[in-house]
């Protein structure tokens, strides 16, 4: 009976590991989207629009670019954390002391 519990625990831990890996993939997808948007900011700056409204628009775009850049850094950190957690969950599947 003890081996049944161990097998069930291992299966549950592997399932959690897979779910964490899926989360990492979704975070990575979000990071890719943020990087794509950041790359497009230059295209929407309308550099030839030299009026006060044009400057205000570019200032607004620049502020959004900075905010999105900060979000990218946070997503990179989150992705690294989720990947580390996925590895830890995977490692704990084979270690009775590391199980949830």
Protein backbone atom coordinates (compact mmCIF):
# COMPACT_ATOMS: atom_id res chain seq x y z
CA UNK A 1 0.00 0.00 0.00
CA UNK A 2 2.88 2.33 0.75
CA UNK A 3 4.12 2.05 -2.82
CA UNK A 4 0.65 3.00 -4.10
CA UNK A 5 0.77 6.22 -2.12
CA UNK A 6 4.29 6.90 -3.34
CA UNK A 7 3.27 6.32 -6.95
CA UNK A 8 0.23 8.56 -6.51
CA UNK A 9 2.35 11.25 -4.88
CA UNK A 10 4.88 11.04 -7.69
CA UNK A 11 2.14 11.29 -10.32
CA UNK A 12 0.61 14.31 -8.58
CA UNK A 13 3.99 16.00 -8.32
CA UNK A 14 4.74 15.33 -11.99
CA UNK A 15 1.34 16.77 -12.87
CA UNK A 16 2.12 19.91 -10.86
CA UNK A 17 5.50 20.12 -12.57
CA UNK A 18 3.80 20.00 -15.96
CA UNK A 19 1.35 22.72 -14.91
CA UNK A 20 4.23 24.93 -13.76
CA UNK A 21 5.99 24.34 -17.09
CA UNK A 22 2.81 25.38 -18.89
CA UNK A 23 2.73 28.55 -16.79
CA UNK A 24 6.34 29.25 -17.75
CA UNK A 25 5.40 28.88 -21.42
CA UNK A 26 2.53 31.37 -20.99
CA UNK A 27 4.79 33.87 -19.21
CA UNK A 28 7.35 33.45 -22.00
CA UNK A 29 4.62 34.11 -24.58
CA UNK A 30 3.62 37.30 -22.74
CA UNK A 31 7.25 38.37 -22.64
CA UNK A 32 7.51 37.89 -26.40
CA UNK A 33 4.42 40.01 -26.93
CA UNK A 34 5.79 42.79 -24.72
CA UNK A 35 9.07 42.76 -26.64
CA UNK A 36 7.17 42.96 -29.93
CA UNK A 37 5.20 45.99 -28.71
CA UNK A 38 8.37 47.64 -27.44
CA UNK A 39 9.92 47.15 -30.86
CA UNK A 40 6.93 48.84 -32.48
CA UNK A 41 7.15 52.01 -30.39
CA UNK A 42 9.63 53.61 -32.78
CA UNK A 43 7.19 53.12 -35.64
CA UNK A 44 4.40 55.05 -33.90
CA UNK A 45 6.46 58.01 -32.68
CA UNK A 46 5.57 60.18 -35.72
CA UNK A 47 8.93 61.94 -35.66
CA UNK A 48 7.98 64.24 -38.55
CA UNK A 49 5.06 65.71 -36.58
CA UNK A 50 6.77 68.82 -35.17
CA UNK A 51 3.94 70.62 -33.39
CA UNK A 52 3.24 70.92 -29.66
CA UNK A 53 0.68 68.15 -30.10
CA UNK A 54 3.33 65.99 -31.76
CA UNK A 55 5.75 66.55 -28.88
CA UNK A 56 3.02 65.76 -26.35
CA UNK A 57 2.18 62.58 -28.25
CA UNK A 58 5.84 61.49 -28.34
CA UNK A 59 6.20 62.24 -24.62
CA UNK A 60 3.16 60.10 -23.91
CA UNK A 61 4.49 57.28 -26.07
CA UNK A 62 7.88 57.53 -24.34
CA UNK A 63 6.25 57.24 -20.92
CA UNK A 64 4.35 54.15 -22.04
CA UNK A 65 7.55 52.69 -23.46
CA UNK A 66 9.34 53.15 -20.14
CA UNK A 67 6.46 51.57 -18.22
CA UNK A 68 6.34 48.63 -20.61
CA UNK A 69 10.11 48.25 -20.36
CA UNK A 70 9.77 47.94 -16.59
CA UNK A 71 7.03 45.37 -17.07
CA UNK A 72 9.34 43.42 -19.38
CA UNK A 73 12.01 43.30 -16.66
CA UNK A 74 9.44 42.02 -14.17
CA UNK A 75 8.24 39.40 -16.65
CA UNK A 76 11.84 38.26 -17.22
CA UNK A 77 12.27 37.88 -13.46
CA UNK A 78 8.94 36.06 -13.16
CA UNK A 79 9.87 33.70 -15.98
CA UNK A 80 13.17 32.84 -14.30
CA UNK A 81 11.35 32.19 -11.01
CA UNK A 82 8.68 30.01 -12.61
CA UNK A 83 11.34 28.00 -14.46
CA UNK A 84 13.29 27.48 -11.23
CA UNK A 85 10.10 26.37 -9.51
CA UNK A 86 9.31 23.95 -12.33
CA UNK A 87 12.76 22.40 -11.91
CA UNK A 88 12.29 22.16 -8.15
CA UNK A 89 8.91 20.48 -8.56
CA UNK A 90 10.38 18.07 -11.07
CA UNK A 91 13.28 17.27 -8.75
CA UNK A 92 10.94 16.72 -5.82
CA UNK A 93 9.06 14.06 -7.77
CA UNK A 94 11.97 11.71 -7.18
CA UNK A 95 12.74 12.88 -3.64
CA UNK A 96 10.35 11.86 -0.85
CA UNK A 97 11.55 14.77 1.32
CA UNK A 98 10.79 17.31 -1.40
CA UNK A 99 7.17 16.43 -2.00
CA UNK A 100 4.36 18.87 -1.35
